[in-house]
Amino acid sequence: MPEALIEKIEHIEALLLELSAKIDNFLGFEEITEKKEVEKLKEKNI
């Protein structure tokens, strides 16, 4: 394959990995937020 094509594919791969990491971080943040909300609800009921 021409070098330019290989470089573009590698660049796309890097972008996909970065996007995947951002999605994972968002999902993790969402889970943490949900836990904090549950804790707040528990505190109000006590």
PDB file of N, CA and C in Angstrom:
ATOM      1  N   MET A   1       0.843  -1.184   0.000  1.00  0.00           N
ATOM      2  CA  MET A   1       0.000   0.000   0.000  1.00  0.00           C
ATOM      3  C   MET A   1       0.882   1.239   0.000  1.00  0.00           C
ATOM      4  N   PRO A   2       0.420   2.254  -0.647  1.00  0.00           N
ATOM      5  CA  PRO A   2       1.206   3.504  -0.618  1.00  0.00           C
ATOM      6  C   PRO A   2       1.325   4.037   0.807  1.00  0.00           C
ATOM      7  N   GLU A   3       2.423   4.685   1.068  1.00  0.00           N
ATOM      8  CA  GLU A   3       2.690   5.218   2.414  1.00  0.00           C
ATOM      9  C   GLU A   3       1.606   6.186   2.873  1.00  0.00           C
ATOM     10  N   ALA A   4       1.110   7.027   1.959  1.00  0.00           N
ATOM     11  CA  ALA A   4       0.093   8.023   2.327  1.00  0.00           C
ATOM     12  C   ALA A   4      -1.168   7.329   2.834  1.00  0.00           C
ATOM     13  N   LEU A   5      -1.550   6.238   2.193  1.00  0.00           N
ATOM     14  CA  LEU A   5      -2.747   5.502   2.599  1.00  0.00           C
ATOM     15  C   LEU A   5      -2.551   4.873   3.975  1.00  0.00           C
ATOM     16  N   ILE A   6      -1.392   4.317   4.205  1.00  0.00           N
ATOM     17  CA  ILE A   6      -1.089   3.718   5.506  1.00  0.00           C
ATOM     18  C   ILE A   6      -1.129   4.786   6.599  1.00  0.00           C
ATOM     19  N   GLU A   7      -0.563   5.965   6.326  1.00  0.00           N
ATOM     20  CA  GLU A   7      -0.569   7.050   7.305  1.00  0.00           C
ATOM     21  C   GLU A   7      -1.995   7.494   7.621  1.00  0.00           C
ATOM     22  N   LYS A   8      -2.841   7.585   6.590  1.00  0.00           N
ATOM     23  CA  LYS A   8      -4.232   7.996   6.819  1.00  0.00           C
ATOM     24  C   LYS A   8      -4.977   6.953   7.645  1.00  0.00           C
ATOM     25  N   ILE A   9      -4.745   5.680   7.357  1.00  0.00           N
ATOM     26  CA  ILE A   9      -5.393   4.617   8.131  1.00  0.00           C
ATOM     27  C   ILE A   9      -4.932   4.661   9.584  1.00  0.00           C
ATOM     28  N   GLU A  10      -3.649   4.874   9.804  1.00  0.00           N
ATOM     29  CA  GLU A  10      -3.130   4.969  11.172  1.00  0.00           C
ATOM     30  C   GLU A  10      -3.724   6.175  11.895  1.00  0.00           C
ATOM     31  N   HIS A  11      -3.897   7.287  11.170  1.00  0.00           N
ATOM     32  CA  HIS A  11      -4.489   8.481  11.768  1.00  0.00           C
ATOM     33  C   HIS A  11      -5.941   8.209  12.161  1.00  0.00           C
ATOM     34  N   ILE A  12      -6.686   7.551  11.288  1.00  0.00           N
ATOM     35  CA  ILE A  12      -8.077   7.197  11.585  1.00  0.00           C
ATOM     36  C   ILE A  12      -8.139   6.269  12.792  1.00  0.00           C
ATOM     37  N   GLU A  13      -7.233   5.311  12.860  1.00  0.00           N
ATOM     38  CA  GLU A  13      -7.189   4.392  13.994  1.00  0.00           C
ATOM     39  C   GLU A  13      -6.955   5.163  15.297  1.00  0.00           C
ATOM     40  N   ALA A  14      -6.041   6.121  15.272  1.00  0.00           N
ATOM     41  CA  ALA A  14      -5.757   6.915  16.467  1.00  0.00           C
ATOM     42  C   ALA A  14      -6.985   7.727  16.876  1.00  0.00           C
ATOM     43  N   LEU A  15      -7.691   8.287  15.907  1.00  0.00           N
ATOM     44  CA  LEU A  15      -8.899   9.049  16.214  1.00  0.00           C
ATOM     45  C   LEU A  15      -9.970   8.160  16.835  1.00  0.00           C
ATOM     46  N   LEU A  16     -10.120   6.949  16.310  1.00  0.00           N
ATOM     47  CA  LEU A  16     -11.108   6.022  16.857  1.00  0.00           C
ATOM     48  C   LEU A  16     -10.760   5.608  18.277  1.00  0.00           C
ATOM     49  N   LEU A  17      -9.484   5.374  18.536  1.00  0.00           N
ATOM     50  CA  LEU A  17      -9.063   5.021  19.897  1.00  0.00           C
ATOM     51  C   LEU A  17      -9.321   6.176  20.862  1.00  0.00           C
ATOM     52  N   GLU A  18      -9.057   7.397  20.405  1.00  0.00           N
ATOM     53  CA  GLU A  18      -9.298   8.571  21.245  1.00  0.00           C
ATOM     54  C   GLU A  18     -10.794   8.724  21.522  1.00  0.00           C
ATOM     55  N   LEU A  19     -11.608   8.539  20.506  1.00  0.00           N
ATOM     56  CA  LEU A  19     -13.050   8.624  20.678  1.00  0.00           C
ATOM     57  C   LEU A  19     -13.550   7.556  21.638  1.00  0.00           C
ATOM     58  N   SER A  20     -13.036   6.354  21.499  1.00  0.00           N
ATOM     59  CA  SER A  20     -13.419   5.260  22.384  1.00  0.00           C
ATOM     60  C   SER A  20     -13.080   5.597  23.834  1.00  0.00           C
ATOM     61  N   ALA A  21     -11.902   6.158  24.048  1.00  0.00           N
ATOM     62  CA  ALA A  21     -11.488   6.535  25.400  1.00  0.00           C
ATOM     63  C   ALA A  21     -12.408   7.613  25.963  1.00  0.00           C
ATOM     64  N   LYS A  22     -12.796   8.569  25.123  1.00  0.00           N
ATOM     65  CA  LYS A  22     -13.688   9.634  25.588  1.00  0.00           C
ATOM     66  C   LYS A  22     -15.059   9.072  25.955  1.00  0.00           C
ATOM     67  N   ILE A  23     -15.555   8.135  25.175  1.00  0.00           N
ATOM     68  CA  ILE A  23     -16.845   7.505  25.473  1.00  0.00           C
ATOM     69  C   ILE A  23     -16.758   6.743  26.789  1.00  0.00           C
ATOM     70  N   ASP A  24     -15.671   6.000  26.984  1.00  0.00           N
ATOM     71  CA  ASP A  24     -15.488   5.263  28.236  1.00  0.00           C
ATOM     72  C   ASP A  24     -15.449   6.214  29.427  1.00  0.00           C
ATOM     73  N   ASN A  25     -14.745   7.330  29.279  1.00  0.00           N
ATOM     74  CA  ASN A  25     -14.669   8.312  30.363  1.00  0.00           C
ATOM     75  C   ASN A  25     -16.038   8.894  30.658  1.00  0.00           C
ATOM     76  N   PHE A  26     -16.812   9.186  29.614  1.00  0.00           N
ATOM     77  CA  PHE A  26     -18.146   9.743  29.811  1.00  0.00           C
ATOM     78  C   PHE A  26     -19.037   8.752  30.548  1.00  0.00           C
ATOM     79  N   LEU A  27     -18.997   7.497  30.138  1.00  0.00           N
ATOM     80  CA  LEU A  27     -19.821   6.483  30.789  1.00  0.00           C
ATOM     81  C   LEU A  27     -19.412   6.310  32.237  1.00  0.00           C
ATOM     82  N   GLY A  28     -18.120   6.346  32.505  1.00  0.00           N
ATOM     83  CA  GLY A  28     -17.633   6.260  33.875  1.00  0.00           C
ATOM     84  C   GLY A  28     -18.071   7.449  34.694  1.00  0.00           C
ATOM     85  N   PHE A  29     -18.028   8.635  34.108  1.00  0.00           N
ATOM     86  CA  PHE A  29     -18.461   9.848  34.805  1.00  0.00           C
ATOM     87  C   PHE A  29     -19.945   9.776  35.105  1.00  0.00           C
ATOM     88  N   GLU A  30     -20.718   9.274  34.143  1.00  0.00           N
ATOM     89  CA  GLU A  30     -22.152   9.145  34.335  1.00  0.00           C
ATOM     90  C   GLU A  30     -22.446   8.198  35.502  1.00  0.00           C
ATOM     91  N   GLU A  31     -21.711   7.107  35.591  1.00  0.00           N
ATOM     92  CA  GLU A  31     -21.902   6.141  36.679  1.00  0.00           C
ATOM     93  C   GLU A  31     -21.583   6.782  38.027  1.00  0.00           C
ATOM     94  N   ILE A  32     -20.512   7.551  38.084  1.00  0.00           N
ATOM     95  CA  ILE A  32     -20.127   8.232  39.325  1.00  0.00           C
ATOM     96  C   ILE A  32     -21.215   9.226  39.721  1.00  0.00           C
ATOM     97  N   THR A  33     -21.738   9.948  38.744  1.00  0.00           N
ATOM     98  CA  THR A  33     -22.792  10.930  39.010  1.00  0.00           C
ATOM     99  C   THR A  33     -24.027  10.239  39.567  1.00  0.00           C
ATOM    100  N   GLU A  34     -24.382   9.104  38.985  1.00  0.00           N
ATOM    101  CA  GLU A  34     -25.541   8.361  39.477  1.00  0.00           C
ATOM    102  C   GLU A  34     -25.322   7.913  40.924  1.00  0.00           C
ATOM    103  N   LYS A  35     -24.128   7.451  41.242  1.00  0.00           N
ATOM    104  CA  LYS A  35     -23.837   7.015  42.609  1.00  0.00           C
ATOM    105  C   LYS A  35     -23.973   8.173  43.583  1.00  0.00           C
ATOM    106  N   LYS A  36     -23.485   9.360  43.176  1.00  0.00           N
ATOM    107  CA  LYS A  36     -23.580  10.530  44.046  1.00  0.00           C
ATOM    108  C   LYS A  36     -25.035  10.910  44.265  1.00  0.00           C
ATOM    109  N   GLU A  37     -25.855  10.803  43.220  1.00  0.00           N
ATOM    110  CA  GLU A  37     -27.270  11.139  43.358  1.00  0.00           C
ATOM    111  C   GLU A  37     -27.961  10.165  44.311  1.00  0.00           C
ATOM    112  N   VAL A  38     -27.628   8.893  44.221  1.00  0.00           N
ATOM    113  CA  VAL A  38     -28.209   7.888  45.116  1.00  0.00           C
ATOM    114  C   VAL A  38     -27.797   8.184  46.556  1.00  0.00           C
ATOM    115  N   GLU A  39     -26.533   8.540  46.750  1.00  0.00           N
ATOM    116  CA  GLU A  39     -26.060   8.863  48.101  1.00  0.00           C
ATOM    117  C   GLU A  39     -26.807  10.070  48.666  1.00  0.00           C
ATOM    118  N   LYS A  40     -27.045  11.092  47.825  1.00  0.00           N
ATOM    119  CA  LYS A  40     -27.774  12.280  48.280  1.00  0.00           C
ATOM    120  C   LYS A  40     -29.197  11.906  48.678  1.00  0.00           C
ATOM    121  N   LEU A  41     -29.843  11.042  47.890  1.00  0.00           N
ATOM    122  CA  LEU A  41     -31.201  10.620  48.218  1.00  0.00           C
ATOM    123  C   LEU A  41     -31.233   9.859  49.540  1.00  0.00           C
ATOM    124  N   LYS A  42     -30.230   9.015  49.757  1.00  0.00           N
ATOM    125  CA  LYS A  42     -30.164   8.249  51.001  1.00  0.00           C
ATOM    126  C   LYS A  42     -29.990   9.180  52.186  1.00  0.00           C
ATOM    127  N   GLU A  43     -29.147  10.217  52.032  1.00  0.00           N
ATOM    128  CA  GLU A  43     -28.918  11.164  53.110  1.00  0.00           C
ATOM    129  C   GLU A  43     -30.195  11.927  53.455  1.00  0.00           C
ATOM    130  N   LYS A  44     -30.981  12.282  52.464  1.00  0.00           N
ATOM    131  CA  LYS A  44     -32.219  13.026  52.708  1.00  0.00           C
ATOM    132  C   LYS A  44     -33.254  12.176  53.419  1.00  0.00           C
ATOM    133  N   ASN A  45     -33.230  10.875  53.190  1.00  0.00           N
ATOM    134  CA  ASN A  45     -34.216   9.976  53.809  1.00  0.00           C
ATOM    135  C   ASN A  45     -33.862   9.623  55.234  1.00  0.00           C
ATOM    136  N   ILE A  46     -32.637   9.874  55.654  1.00  0.00           N
ATOM    137  CA  ILE A  46     -32.221   9.509  57.017  1.00  0.00           C
ATOM    138  C   ILE A  46     -32.719  10.508  58.016  1.00  0.00           C
TER     139      ILE A  46
END
